[in-house]
Amino acid sequence: MSYTFATIDEGQLAPDDAMALRAALLDERTFRREQLNNLAEVWPSDGDLPRDEHTMARVEVLTVLATAAKVVLSEVDAALGRIDTGHYGNCHLCDQPIPLQRLRILPHARYCGPCHQLKETVS
């Protein structure tokens, strides 16, 4: 499978960096999809009885894990969309480039570090 990177602002990201970040996002998407499939396989069915504290705690943990996986999957898909449209790598608040080091750690990042902190304190 091959990808084109013509829509990525190459002034901001080198082609090798862009390819590595896209690959990391695709790997993360695959991992999250597999995670959701695995969670679905171990999810207790409605017919599982009894509904004791252990079962309820298990459902709660599985729900939290599934919700987190869905959030990250959504963020990854959005980042891949930004790559495809040429809007990847700039902060959604200040519109400055997100440092490459941050993107390497969190390739689906929408915000630079300072704006992320600002957003977290406001929320």
PDB file of N, CA and C in Angstrom:
ATOM      1  N   MET A   1       0.846  -1.157   0.000  1.00  0.00           N
ATOM      2  CA  MET A   1       0.000   0.000   0.000  1.00  0.00           C
ATOM      3  C   MET A   1       0.897   1.228   0.000  1.00  0.00           C
ATOM      4  N   SER A   2       0.608   2.209  -0.835  1.00  0.00           N
ATOM      5  CA  SER A   2       1.415   3.423  -0.857  1.00  0.00           C
ATOM      6  C   SER A   2       0.538   4.634  -0.596  1.00  0.00           C
ATOM      7  N   TYR A   3       1.170   5.648  -0.049  1.00  0.00           N
ATOM      8  CA  TYR A   3       0.464   6.877   0.285  1.00  0.00           C
ATOM      9  C   TYR A   3       1.185   8.052  -0.343  1.00  0.00           C
ATOM     10  N   THR A   4       0.444   9.070  -0.672  1.00  0.00           N
ATOM     11  CA  THR A   4       1.070  10.301  -1.134  1.00  0.00           C
ATOM     12  C   THR A   4       1.001  11.305   0.000  1.00  0.00           C
ATOM     13  N   PHE A   5       1.983  12.176   0.042  1.00  0.00           N
ATOM     14  CA  PHE A   5       2.066  13.141   1.124  1.00  0.00           C
ATOM     15  C   PHE A   5       2.093  14.559   0.579  1.00  0.00           C
ATOM     16  N   ALA A   6       1.552  14.764  -0.599  1.00  0.00           N
ATOM     17  CA  ALA A   6       1.599  16.073  -1.227  1.00  0.00           C
ATOM     18  C   ALA A   6       0.837  17.123  -0.424  1.00  0.00           C
ATOM     19  N   THR A   7      -0.137  16.712   0.358  1.00  0.00           N
ATOM     20  CA  THR A   7      -0.941  17.694   1.077  1.00  0.00           C
ATOM     21  C   THR A   7      -0.338  18.101   2.418  1.00  0.00           C
ATOM     22  N   ILE A   8       0.725  17.445   2.847  1.00  0.00           N
ATOM     23  CA  ILE A   8       1.382  17.822   4.092  1.00  0.00           C
ATOM     24  C   ILE A   8       2.306  18.993   3.807  1.00  0.00           C
ATOM     25  N   ASP A   9       2.274  19.994   4.668  1.00  0.00           N
ATOM     26  CA  ASP A   9       3.149  21.149   4.530  1.00  0.00           C
ATOM     27  C   ASP A   9       4.583  20.700   4.780  1.00  0.00           C
ATOM     28  N   GLU A  10       5.333  20.509   3.695  1.00  0.00           N
ATOM     29  CA  GLU A  10       6.684  19.994   3.833  1.00  0.00           C
ATOM     30  C   GLU A  10       7.645  21.025   4.387  1.00  0.00           C
ATOM     31  N   GLY A  11       7.230  22.303   4.459  1.00  0.00           N
ATOM     32  CA  GLY A  11       8.050  23.290   5.132  1.00  0.00           C
ATOM     33  C   GLY A  11       8.089  23.030   6.618  1.00  0.00           C
ATOM     34  N   GLN A  12       7.066  22.403   7.127  1.00  0.00           N
ATOM     35  CA  GLN A  12       6.977  22.119   8.554  1.00  0.00           C
ATOM     36  C   GLN A  12       7.537  20.738   8.875  1.00  0.00           C
ATOM     37  N   LEU A  13       7.158  19.751   8.107  1.00  0.00           N
ATOM     38  CA  LEU A  13       7.599  18.387   8.358  1.00  0.00           C
ATOM     39  C   LEU A  13       8.388  17.864   7.162  1.00  0.00           C
ATOM     40  N   ALA A  14       9.510  17.250   7.460  1.00  0.00           N
ATOM     41  CA  ALA A  14      10.278  16.601   6.402  1.00  0.00           C
ATOM     42  C   ALA A  14       9.491  15.394   5.915  1.00  0.00           C
ATOM     43  N   PRO A  15       9.651  15.020   4.653  1.00  0.00           N
ATOM     44  CA  PRO A  15       8.905  13.864   4.131  1.00  0.00           C
ATOM     45  C   PRO A  15       9.089  12.595   4.967  1.00  0.00           C
ATOM     46  N   ASP A  16      10.306  12.342   5.455  1.00  0.00           N
ATOM     47  CA  ASP A  16      10.527  11.155   6.292  1.00  0.00           C
ATOM     48  C   ASP A  16       9.742  11.244   7.592  1.00  0.00           C
ATOM     49  N   ASP A  17       9.688  12.457   8.175  1.00  0.00           N
ATOM     50  CA  ASP A  17       8.910  12.647   9.398  1.00  0.00           C
ATOM     51  C   ASP A  17       7.427  12.429   9.124  1.00  0.00           C
ATOM     52  N   ALA A  18       6.954  12.969   8.021  1.00  0.00           N
ATOM     53  CA  ALA A  18       5.540  12.820   7.665  1.00  0.00           C
ATOM     54  C   ALA A  18       5.183  11.353   7.473  1.00  0.00           C
ATOM     55  N   MET A  19       6.052  10.612   6.792  1.00  0.00           N
ATOM     56  CA  MET A  19       5.785   9.185   6.578  1.00  0.00           C
ATOM     57  C   MET A  19       5.798   8.431   7.901  1.00  0.00           C
ATOM     58  N   ALA A  20       6.740   8.755   8.777  1.00  0.00           N
ATOM     59  CA  ALA A  20       6.823   8.072  10.064  1.00  0.00           C
ATOM     60  C   ALA A  20       5.606   8.383  10.931  1.00  0.00           C
ATOM     61  N   LEU A  21       5.149   9.629  10.906  1.00  0.00           N
ATOM     62  CA  LEU A  21       3.979  10.005  11.704  1.00  0.00           C
ATOM     63  C   LEU A  21       2.716   9.352  11.163  1.00  0.00           C
ATOM     64  N   ARG A  22       2.582   9.298   9.844  1.00  0.00           N
ATOM     65  CA  ARG A  22       1.428   8.620   9.248  1.00  0.00           C
ATOM     66  C   ARG A  22       1.448   7.132   9.625  1.00  0.00           C
ATOM     67  N   ALA A  23       2.625   6.523   9.546  1.00  0.00           N
ATOM     68  CA  ALA A  23       2.747   5.102   9.902  1.00  0.00           C
ATOM     69  C   ALA A  23       2.387   4.889  11.368  1.00  0.00           C
ATOM     70  N   ALA A  24       2.832   5.790  12.239  1.00  0.00           N
ATOM     71  CA  ALA A  24       2.499   5.673  13.667  1.00  0.00           C
ATOM     72  C   ALA A  24       0.996   5.792  13.873  1.00  0.00           C
ATOM     73  N   LEU A  25       0.352   6.700  13.157  1.00  0.00           N
ATOM     74  CA  LEU A  25      -1.100   6.854  13.268  1.00  0.00           C
ATOM     75  C   LEU A  25      -1.827   5.610  12.763  1.00  0.00           C
ATOM     76  N   LEU A  26      -1.367   5.062  11.666  1.00  0.00           N
ATOM     77  CA  LEU A  26      -1.992   3.849  11.131  1.00  0.00           C
ATOM     78  C   LEU A  26      -1.808   2.670  12.088  1.00  0.00           C
ATOM     79  N   ASP A  27      -0.621   2.576  12.697  1.00  0.00           N
ATOM     80  CA  ASP A  27      -0.393   1.523  13.700  1.00  0.00           C
ATOM     81  C   ASP A  27      -1.312   1.712  14.897  1.00  0.00           C
ATOM     82  N   GLU A  28      -1.455   2.958  15.345  1.00  0.00           N
ATOM     83  CA  GLU A  28      -2.326   3.241  16.484  1.00  0.00           C
ATOM     84  C   GLU A  28      -3.773   2.905  16.147  1.00  0.00           C
ATOM     85  N   ARG A  29      -4.201   3.223  14.926  1.00  0.00           N
ATOM     86  CA  ARG A  29      -5.570   2.890  14.520  1.00  0.00           C
ATOM     87  C   ARG A  29      -5.782   1.380  14.530  1.00  0.00           C
ATOM     88  N   THR A  30      -4.829   0.633  13.992  1.00  0.00           N
ATOM     89  CA  THR A  30      -4.928  -0.828  13.996  1.00  0.00           C
ATOM     90  C   THR A  30      -4.989  -1.363  15.418  1.00  0.00           C
ATOM     91  N   PHE A  31      -4.127  -0.836  16.286  1.00  0.00           N
ATOM     92  CA  PHE A  31      -4.112  -1.280  17.686  1.00  0.00           C
ATOM     93  C   PHE A  31      -5.452  -1.004  18.362  1.00  0.00           C
ATOM     94  N   ARG A  32      -6.001   0.195  18.189  1.00  0.00           N
ATOM     95  CA  ARG A  32      -7.264   0.542  18.854  1.00  0.00           C
ATOM     96  C   ARG A  32      -8.430  -0.285  18.322  1.00  0.00           C
ATOM     97  N   ARG A  33      -8.432  -0.563  17.027  1.00  0.00           N
ATOM     98  CA  ARG A  33      -9.488  -1.417  16.474  1.00  0.00           C
ATOM     99  C   ARG A  33      -9.400  -2.829  17.043  1.00  0.00           C
ATOM    100  N   GLU A  34      -8.176  -3.354  17.127  1.00  0.00           N
ATOM    101  CA  GLU A  34      -7.986  -4.684  17.717  1.00  0.00           C
ATOM    102  C   GLU A  34      -8.380  -4.672  19.189  1.00  0.00           C
ATOM    103  N   GLN A  35      -8.037  -3.613  19.880  1.00  0.00           N
ATOM    104  CA  GLN A  35      -8.397  -3.498  21.292  1.00  0.00           C
ATOM    105  C   GLN A  35      -9.910  -3.541  21.464  1.00  0.00           C
ATOM    106  N   LEU A  36     -10.625  -2.788  20.638  1.00  0.00           N
ATOM    107  CA  LEU A  36     -12.088  -2.792  20.730  1.00  0.00           C
ATOM    108  C   LEU A  36     -12.668  -4.167  20.392  1.00  0.00           C
ATOM    109  N   ASN A  37     -12.108  -4.825  19.398  1.00  0.00           N
ATOM    110  CA  ASN A  37     -12.572  -6.173  19.062  1.00  0.00           C
ATOM    111  C   ASN A  37     -12.321  -7.143  20.209  1.00  0.00           C
ATOM    112  N   ASN A  38     -11.146  -7.049  20.842  1.00  0.00           N
ATOM    113  CA  ASN A  38     -10.833  -7.928  21.967  1.00  0.00           C
ATOM    114  C   ASN A  38     -11.736  -7.651  23.159  1.00  0.00           C
ATOM    115  N   LEU A  39     -12.037  -6.389  23.403  1.00  0.00           N
ATOM    116  CA  LEU A  39     -12.947  -6.051  24.502  1.00  0.00           C
ATOM    117  C   LEU A  39     -14.342  -6.613  24.234  1.00  0.00           C
ATOM    118  N   ALA A  40     -14.766  -6.553  22.985  1.00  0.00           N
ATOM    119  CA  ALA A  40     -16.085  -7.084  22.636  1.00  0.00           C
ATOM    120  C   ALA A  40     -16.152  -8.587  22.884  1.00  0.00           C
ATOM    121  N   GLU A  41     -15.031  -9.277  22.676  1.00  0.00           N
ATOM    122  CA  GLU A  41     -15.002 -10.726  22.879  1.00  0.00           C
ATOM    123  C   GLU A  41     -15.125 -11.121  24.345  1.00  0.00           C
ATOM    124  N   VAL A  42     -14.663 -10.280  25.248  1.00  0.00           N
ATOM    125  CA  VAL A  42     -14.694 -10.629  26.675  1.00  0.00           C
ATOM    126  C   VAL A  42     -15.832  -9.932  27.414  1.00  0.00           C
ATOM    127  N   TRP A  43     -16.613  -9.149  26.693  1.00  0.00           N
ATOM    128  CA  TRP A  43     -17.719  -8.431  27.316  1.00  0.00           C
ATOM    129  C   TRP A  43     -18.754  -9.419  27.827  1.00  0.00           C
ATOM    130  N   PRO A  44     -19.177  -9.285  29.071  1.00  0.00           N
ATOM    131  CA  PRO A  44     -20.197 -10.211  29.579  1.00  0.00           C
ATOM    132  C   PRO A  44     -21.511 -10.033  28.820  1.00  0.00           C
ATOM    133  N   SER A  45     -22.127 -11.143  28.483  1.00  0.00           N
ATOM    134  CA  SER A  45     -23.408 -11.055  27.787  1.00  0.00           C
ATOM    135  C   SER A  45     -24.503 -10.720  28.780  1.00  0.00           C
ATOM    136  N   ASP A  46     -25.622 -10.253  28.259  1.00  0.00           N
ATOM    137  CA  ASP A  46     -26.747  -9.894  29.128  1.00  0.00           C
ATOM    138  C   ASP A  46     -27.227 -11.083  29.943  1.00  0.00           C
ATOM    139  N   GLY A  47     -26.995 -12.286  29.438  1.00  0.00           N
ATOM    140  CA  GLY A  47     -27.452 -13.483  30.136  1.00  0.00           C
ATOM    141  C   GLY A  47     -26.508 -13.948  31.228  1.00  0.00           C
ATOM    142  N   ASP A  48     -25.329 -13.286  31.341  1.00  0.00           N
ATOM    143  CA  ASP A  48     -24.395 -13.675  32.391  1.00  0.00           C
ATOM    144  C   ASP A  48     -24.978 -13.345  33.760  1.00  0.00           C
ATOM    145  N   LEU A  49     -25.138 -14.374  34.564  1.00  0.00           N
ATOM    146  CA  LEU A  49     -25.643 -14.201  35.921  1.00  0.00           C
ATOM    147  C   LEU A  49     -24.669 -14.871  36.870  1.00  0.00           C
ATOM    148  N   PRO A  50     -24.548 -14.476  38.045  1.00  0.00           N
ATOM    149  CA  PRO A  50     -25.274 -13.395  38.695  1.00  0.00           C
ATOM    150  C   PRO A  50     -24.601 -12.045  38.425  1.00  0.00           C
ATOM    151  N   ARG A  51     -25.314 -10.987  38.649  1.00  0.00           N
ATOM    152  CA  ARG A  51     -24.778  -9.632  38.536  1.00  0.00           C
ATOM    153  C   ARG A  51     -24.216  -9.234  39.899  1.00  0.00           C
ATOM    154  N   ASP A  52     -23.131  -9.886  40.255  1.00  0.00           N
ATOM    155  CA  ASP A  52     -22.515  -9.585  41.539  1.00  0.00           C
ATOM    156  C   ASP A  52     -21.550  -8.406  41.401  1.00  0.00           C
ATOM    157  N   GLU A  53     -20.903  -8.037  42.495  1.00  0.00           N
ATOM    158  CA  GLU A  53     -19.995  -6.888  42.489  1.00  0.00           C
ATOM    159  C   GLU A  53     -18.830  -7.105  41.528  1.00  0.00           C
ATOM    160  N   HIS A  54     -18.349  -8.345  41.462  1.00  0.00           N
ATOM    161  CA  HIS A  54     -17.230  -8.642  40.564  1.00  0.00           C
ATOM    162  C   HIS A  54     -17.623  -8.411  39.107  1.00  0.00           C
ATOM    163  N   THR A  55     -18.768  -8.904  38.713  1.00  0.00           N
ATOM    164  CA  THR A  55     -19.230  -8.736  37.334  1.00  0.00           C
ATOM    165  C   THR A  55     -19.479  -7.264  37.023  1.00  0.00           C
ATOM    166  N   MET A  56     -20.084  -6.553  37.952  1.00  0.00           N
ATOM    167  CA  MET A  56     -20.361  -5.135  37.737  1.00  0.00           C
ATOM    168  C   MET A  56     -19.061  -4.330  37.637  1.00  0.00           C
ATOM    169  N   ALA A  57     -18.077  -4.681  38.451  1.00  0.00           N
ATOM    170  CA  ALA A  57     -16.772  -4.003  38.390  1.00  0.00           C
ATOM    171  C   ALA A  57     -16.093  -4.296  37.057  1.00  0.00           C
ATOM    172  N   ARG A  58     -16.216  -5.526  36.599  1.00  0.00           N
ATOM    173  CA  ARG A  58     -15.629  -5.906  35.306  1.00  0.00           C
ATOM    174  C   ARG A  58     -16.270  -5.112  34.171  1.00  0.00           C
ATOM    175  N   VAL A  59     -17.579  -4.993  34.187  1.00  0.00           N
ATOM    176  CA  VAL A  59     -18.279  -4.210  33.164  1.00  0.00           C
ATOM    177  C   VAL A  59     -17.839  -2.751  33.214  1.00  0.00           C
ATOM    178  N   GLU A  60     -17.675  -2.225  34.405  1.00  0.00           N
ATOM    179  CA  GLU A  60     -17.249  -0.835  34.544  1.00  0.00           C
ATOM    180  C   GLU A  60     -15.852  -0.626  33.957  1.00  0.00           C
ATOM    181  N   VAL A  61     -14.926  -1.527  34.254  1.00  0.00           N
ATOM    182  CA  VAL A  61     -13.567  -1.428  33.715  1.00  0.00           C
ATOM    183  C   VAL A  61     -13.583  -1.561  32.197  1.00  0.00           C
ATOM    184  N   LEU A  62     -14.316  -2.527  31.679  1.00  0.00           N
ATOM    185  CA  LEU A  62     -14.405  -2.714  30.231  1.00  0.00           C
ATOM    186  C   LEU A  62     -15.014  -1.488  29.559  1.00  0.00           C
ATOM    187  N   THR A  63     -16.002  -0.877  30.196  1.00  0.00           N
ATOM    188  CA  THR A  63     -16.635   0.322  29.640  1.00  0.00           C
ATOM    189  C   THR A  63     -15.645   1.473  29.564  1.00  0.00           C
ATOM    190  N   VAL A  64     -14.863   1.660  30.611  1.00  0.00           N
ATOM    191  CA  VAL A  64     -13.860   2.732  30.618  1.00  0.00           C
ATOM    192  C   VAL A  64     -12.811   2.480  29.539  1.00  0.00           C
ATOM    193  N   LEU A  65     -12.345   1.247  29.432  1.00  0.00           N
ATOM    194  CA  LEU A  65     -11.353   0.909  28.407  1.00  0.00           C
ATOM    195  C   LEU A  65     -11.900   1.125  26.998  1.00  0.00           C
ATOM    196  N   ALA A  66     -13.113   0.693  26.758  1.00  0.00           N
ATOM    197  CA  ALA A  66     -13.716   0.845  25.433  1.00  0.00           C
ATOM    198  C   ALA A  66     -13.925   2.314  25.098  1.00  0.00           C
ATOM    199  N   THR A  67     -14.373   3.095  26.064  1.00  0.00           N
ATOM    200  CA  THR A  67     -14.587   4.519  25.830  1.00  0.00           C
ATOM    201  C   THR A  67     -13.272   5.209  25.489  1.00  0.00           C
ATOM    202  N   ALA A  68     -12.223   4.911  26.238  1.00  0.00           N
ATOM    203  CA  ALA A  68     -10.913   5.507  25.967  1.00  0.00           C
ATOM    204  C   ALA A  68     -10.397   5.103  24.589  1.00  0.00           C
ATOM    205  N   ALA A  69     -10.560   3.843  24.231  1.00  0.00           N
ATOM    206  CA  ALA A  69     -10.109   3.377  22.913  1.00  0.00           C
ATOM    207  C   ALA A  69     -10.867   4.077  21.798  1.00  0.00           C
ATOM    208  N   LYS A  70     -12.170   4.279  21.981  1.00  0.00           N
ATOM    209  CA  LYS A  70     -12.977   4.973  20.966  1.00  0.00           C
ATOM    210  C   LYS A  70     -12.556   6.426  20.825  1.00  0.00           C
ATOM    211  N   VAL A  71     -12.235   7.078  21.926  1.00  0.00           N
ATOM    212  CA  VAL A  71     -11.790   8.481  21.885  1.00  0.00           C
ATOM    213  C   VAL A  71     -10.476   8.585  21.114  1.00  0.00           C
ATOM    214  N   VAL A  72      -9.523   7.720  21.449  1.00  0.00           N
ATOM    215  CA  VAL A  72      -8.233   7.762  20.756  1.00  0.00           C
ATOM    216  C   VAL A  72      -8.406   7.410  19.285  1.00  0.00           C
ATOM    217  N   LEU A  73      -9.221   6.423  18.980  1.00  0.00           N
ATOM    218  CA  LEU A  73      -9.468   6.052  17.587  1.00  0.00           C
ATOM    219  C   LEU A  73     -10.040   7.230  16.809  1.00  0.00           C
ATOM    220  N   SER A  74     -10.954   7.944  17.408  1.00  0.00           N
ATOM    221  CA  SER A  74     -11.534   9.127  16.770  1.00  0.00           C
ATOM    222  C   SER A  74     -10.474  10.205  16.528  1.00  0.00           C
ATOM    223  N   GLU A  75      -9.604  10.404  17.516  1.00  0.00           N
ATOM    224  CA  GLU A  75      -8.526  11.393  17.384  1.00  0.00           C
ATOM    225  C   GLU A  75      -7.535  10.979  16.291  1.00  0.00           C
ATOM    226  N   VAL A  76      -7.228   9.702  16.215  1.00  0.00           N
ATOM    227  CA  VAL A  76      -6.314   9.191  15.188  1.00  0.00           C
ATOM    228  C   VAL A  76      -6.922   9.386  13.798  1.00  0.00           C
ATOM    229  N   ASP A  77      -8.192   9.034  13.649  1.00  0.00           N
ATOM    230  CA  ASP A  77      -8.852   9.220  12.353  1.00  0.00           C
ATOM    231  C   ASP A  77      -8.884  10.694  11.955  1.00  0.00           C
ATOM    232  N   ALA A  78      -9.108  11.568  12.937  1.00  0.00           N
ATOM    233  CA  ALA A  78      -9.115  13.012  12.652  1.00  0.00           C
ATOM    234  C   ALA A  78      -7.723  13.471  12.211  1.00  0.00           C
ATOM    235  N   ALA A  79      -6.678  12.963  12.869  1.00  0.00           N
ATOM    236  CA  ALA A  79      -5.313  13.338  12.488  1.00  0.00           C
ATOM    237  C   ALA A  79      -4.982  12.851  11.079  1.00  0.00           C
ATOM    238  N   LEU A  80      -5.397  11.644  10.745  1.00  0.00           N
ATOM    239  CA  LEU A  80      -5.178  11.149   9.380  1.00  0.00           C
ATOM    240  C   LEU A  80      -5.929  12.015   8.367  1.00  0.00           C
ATOM    241  N   GLY A  81      -7.107  12.465   8.730  1.00  0.00           N
ATOM    242  CA  GLY A  81      -7.852  13.380   7.867  1.00  0.00           C
ATOM    243  C   GLY A  81      -7.128  14.701   7.686  1.00  0.00           C
ATOM    244  N   ARG A  82      -6.526  15.200   8.769  1.00  0.00           N
ATOM    245  CA  ARG A  82      -5.773  16.453   8.666  1.00  0.00           C
ATOM    246  C   ARG A  82      -4.557  16.280   7.770  1.00  0.00           C
ATOM    247  N   ILE A  83      -3.920  15.117   7.840  1.00  0.00           N
ATOM    248  CA  ILE A  83      -2.792  14.853   6.937  1.00  0.00           C
ATOM    249  C   ILE A  83      -3.276  14.906   5.491  1.00  0.00           C
ATOM    250  N   ASP A  84      -4.387  14.247   5.224  1.00  0.00           N
ATOM    251  CA  ASP A  84      -4.905  14.170   3.858  1.00  0.00           C
ATOM    252  C   ASP A  84      -5.328  15.528   3.303  1.00  0.00           C
ATOM    253  N   THR A  85      -5.737  16.429   4.188  1.00  0.00           N
ATOM    254  CA  THR A  85      -6.196  17.746   3.719  1.00  0.00           C
ATOM    255  C   THR A  85      -5.133  18.834   3.869  1.00  0.00           C
ATOM    256  N   GLY A  86      -3.952  18.457   4.390  1.00  0.00           N
ATOM    257  CA  GLY A  86      -2.874  19.432   4.525  1.00  0.00           C
ATOM    258  C   GLY A  86      -2.984  20.317   5.750  1.00  0.00           C
ATOM    259  N   HIS A  87      -3.751  19.910   6.741  1.00  0.00           N
ATOM    260  CA  HIS A  87      -3.928  20.705   7.953  1.00  0.00           C
ATOM    261  C   HIS A  87      -3.295  20.053   9.174  1.00  0.00           C
ATOM    262  N   TYR A  88      -2.367  19.150   8.947  1.00  0.00           N
ATOM    263  CA  TYR A  88      -1.757  18.396  10.039  1.00  0.00           C
ATOM    264  C   TYR A  88      -0.565  19.157  10.610  1.00  0.00           C
ATOM    265  N   GLY A  89      -0.439  19.103  11.926  1.00  0.00           N
ATOM    266  CA  GLY A  89       0.772  19.602  12.562  1.00  0.00           C
ATOM    267  C   GLY A  89       0.710  21.000  13.114  1.00  0.00           C
ATOM    268  N   ASN A  90      -0.396  21.714  12.899  1.00  0.00           N
ATOM    269  CA  ASN A  90      -0.548  23.042  13.471  1.00  0.00           C
ATOM    270  C   ASN A  90      -1.531  22.994  14.631  1.00  0.00           C
ATOM    271  N   CYS A  91      -1.242  23.771  15.655  1.00  0.00           N
ATOM    272  CA  CYS A  91      -2.084  23.837  16.835  1.00  0.00           C
ATOM    273  C   CYS A  91      -3.446  24.410  16.476  1.00  0.00           C
ATOM    274  N   HIS A  92      -4.491  23.832  17.017  1.00  0.00           N
ATOM    275  CA  HIS A  92      -5.855  24.286  16.737  1.00  0.00           C
ATOM    276  C   HIS A  92      -6.204  25.579  17.449  1.00  0.00           C
ATOM    277  N   LEU A  93      -5.392  25.989  18.432  1.00  0.00           N
ATOM    278  CA  LEU A  93      -5.661  27.254  19.121  1.00  0.00           C
ATOM    279  C   LEU A  93      -4.801  28.396  18.591  1.00  0.00           C
ATOM    280  N   CYS A  94      -3.478  28.201  18.597  1.00  0.00           N
ATOM    281  CA  CYS A  94      -2.589  29.305  18.211  1.00  0.00           C
ATOM    282  C   CYS A  94      -2.135  29.232  16.756  1.00  0.00           C
ATOM    283  N   ASP A  95      -2.428  28.134  16.082  1.00  0.00           N
ATOM    284  CA  ASP A  95      -2.082  27.900  14.677  1.00  0.00           C
ATOM    285  C   ASP A  95      -0.578  27.847  14.417  1.00  0.00           C
ATOM    286  N   GLN A  96       0.203  27.703  15.474  1.00  0.00           N
ATOM    287  CA  GLN A  96       1.646  27.540  15.321  1.00  0.00           C
ATOM    288  C   GLN A  96       1.951  26.062  15.128  1.00  0.00           C
ATOM    289  N   PRO A  97       3.086  25.741  14.495  1.00  0.00           N
ATOM    290  CA  PRO A  97       3.443  24.330  14.336  1.00  0.00           C
ATOM    291  C   PRO A  97       3.602  23.633  15.688  1.00  0.00           C
ATOM    292  N   ILE A  98       3.070  22.444  15.768  1.00  0.00           N
ATOM    293  CA  ILE A  98       3.269  21.607  16.952  1.00  0.00           C
ATOM    294  C   ILE A  98       4.674  21.027  16.831  1.00  0.00           C
ATOM    295  N   PRO A  99       5.492  21.132  17.875  1.00  0.00           N
ATOM    296  CA  PRO A  99       6.865  20.608  17.780  1.00  0.00           C
ATOM    297  C   PRO A  99       6.887  19.135  17.382  1.00  0.00           C
ATOM    298  N   LEU A 100       7.844  18.807  16.535  1.00  0.00           N
ATOM    299  CA  LEU A 100       7.984  17.439  16.041  1.00  0.00           C
ATOM    300  C   LEU A 100       8.131  16.440  17.185  1.00  0.00           C
ATOM    301  N   GLN A 101       8.834  16.828  18.248  1.00  0.00           N
ATOM    302  CA  GLN A 101       9.007  15.923  19.386  1.00  0.00           C
ATOM    303  C   GLN A 101       7.650  15.561  19.981  1.00  0.00           C
ATOM    304  N   ARG A 102       6.741  16.526  20.068  1.00  0.00           N
ATOM    305  CA  ARG A 102       5.402  16.260  20.605  1.00  0.00           C
ATOM    306  C   ARG A 102       4.625  15.341  19.669  1.00  0.00           C
ATOM    307  N   LEU A 103       4.723  15.598  18.370  1.00  0.00           N
ATOM    308  CA  LEU A 103       4.017  14.752  17.400  1.00  0.00           C
ATOM    309  C   LEU A 103       4.548  13.329  17.404  1.00  0.00           C
ATOM    310  N   ARG A 104       5.827  13.174  17.656  1.00  0.00           N
ATOM    311  CA  ARG A 104       6.386  11.819  17.721  1.00  0.00           C
ATOM    312  C   ARG A 104       5.836  11.053  18.921  1.00  0.00           C
ATOM    313  N   ILE A 105       5.601  11.760  20.011  1.00  0.00           N
ATOM    314  CA  ILE A 105       5.048  11.126  21.210  1.00  0.00           C
ATOM    315  C   ILE A 105       3.546  10.921  21.068  1.00  0.00           C
ATOM    316  N   LEU A 106       2.869  11.918  20.519  1.00  0.00           N
ATOM    317  CA  LEU A 106       1.413  11.906  20.408  1.00  0.00           C
ATOM    318  C   LEU A 106       1.033  12.370  18.995  1.00  0.00           C
ATOM    319  N   PRO A 107       1.153  11.476  18.005  1.00  0.00           N
ATOM    320  CA  PRO A 107       0.963  11.904  16.618  1.00  0.00           C
ATOM    321  C   PRO A 107      -0.426  12.452  16.309  1.00  0.00           C
ATOM    322  N   HIS A 108      -1.412  12.176  17.160  1.00  0.00           N
ATOM    323  CA  HIS A 108      -2.751  12.715  16.915  1.00  0.00           C
ATOM    324  C   HIS A 108      -2.997  14.019  17.686  1.00  0.00           C
ATOM    325  N   ALA A 109      -1.923  14.623  18.212  1.00  0.00           N
ATOM    326  CA  ALA A 109      -2.057  15.865  18.980  1.00  0.00           C
ATOM    327  C   ALA A 109      -2.707  16.961  18.139  1.00  0.00           C
ATOM    328  N   ARG A 110      -3.637  17.680  18.761  1.00  0.00           N
ATOM    329  CA  ARG A 110      -4.288  18.825  18.125  1.00  0.00           C
ATOM    330  C   ARG A 110      -3.700  20.146  18.594  1.00  0.00           C
ATOM    331  N   TYR A 111      -3.013  20.112  19.727  1.00  0.00           N
ATOM    332  CA  TYR A 111      -2.538  21.339  20.351  1.00  0.00           C
ATOM    333  C   TYR A 111      -1.056  21.239  20.683  1.00  0.00           C
ATOM    334  N   CYS A 112      -0.370  22.384  20.643  1.00  0.00           N
ATOM    335  CA  CYS A 112       1.000  22.453  21.136  1.00  0.00           C
ATOM    336  C   CYS A 112       0.936  22.327  22.658  1.00  0.00           C
ATOM    337  N   GLY A 113       2.065  22.144  23.292  1.00  0.00           N
ATOM    338  CA  GLY A 113       2.103  21.945  24.738  1.00  0.00           C
ATOM    339  C   GLY A 113       1.458  23.075  25.530  1.00  0.00           C
ATOM    340  N   PRO A 114       1.849  24.334  25.301  1.00  0.00           N
ATOM    341  CA  PRO A 114       1.246  25.429  26.074  1.00  0.00           C
ATOM    342  C   PRO A 114      -0.266  25.547  25.865  1.00  0.00           C
ATOM    343  N   CYS A 115      -0.733  25.388  24.657  1.00  0.00           N
ATOM    344  CA  CYS A 115      -2.177  25.487  24.397  1.00  0.00           C
ATOM    345  C   CYS A 115      -2.922  24.306  25.004  1.00  0.00           C
ATOM    346  N   HIS A 116      -2.298  23.128  25.009  1.00  0.00           N
ATOM    347  CA  HIS A 116      -2.916  21.965  25.645  1.00  0.00           C
ATOM    348  C   HIS A 116      -3.087  22.227  27.139  1.00  0.00           C
ATOM    349  N   GLN A 117      -2.036  22.778  27.767  1.00  0.00           N
ATOM    350  CA  GLN A 117      -2.129  23.097  29.201  1.00  0.00           C
ATOM    351  C   GLN A 117      -3.205  24.146  29.457  1.00  0.00           C
ATOM    352  N   LEU A 118      -3.268  25.152  28.605  1.00  0.00           N
ATOM    353  CA  LEU A 118      -4.275  26.191  28.731  1.00  0.00           C
ATOM    354  C   LEU A 118      -5.672  25.588  28.609  1.00  0.00           C
ATOM    355  N   LYS A 119      -5.856  24.740  27.628  1.00  0.00           N
ATOM    356  CA  LYS A 119      -7.148  24.098  27.408  1.00  0.00           C
ATOM    357  C   LYS A 119      -7.541  23.227  28.600  1.00  0.00           C
ATOM    358  N   GLU A 120      -6.573  22.528  29.190  1.00  0.00           N
ATOM    359  CA  GLU A 120      -6.855  21.668  30.341  1.00  0.00           C
ATOM    360  C   GLU A 120      -7.248  22.493  31.565  1.00  0.00           C
ATOM    361  N   THR A 121      -6.658  23.650  31.749  1.00  0.00           N
ATOM    362  CA  THR A 121      -6.993  24.463  32.920  1.00  0.00           C
ATOM    363  C   THR A 121      -8.345  25.137  32.760  1.00  0.00           C
ATOM    364  N   VAL A 122      -8.761  25.392  31.521  1.00  0.00           N
ATOM    365  CA  VAL A 122     -10.059  26.019  31.264  1.00  0.00           C
ATOM    366  C   VAL A 122     -11.191  25.003  31.383  1.00  0.00           C
ATOM    367  N   SER A 123     -10.918  23.758  30.981  1.00  0.00           N
ATOM    368  CA  SER A 123     -11.964  22.722  30.969  1.00  0.00           C
ATOM    369  C   SER A 123     -12.386  22.284  32.322  1.00  0.00           C
TER     370      SER A 123
END
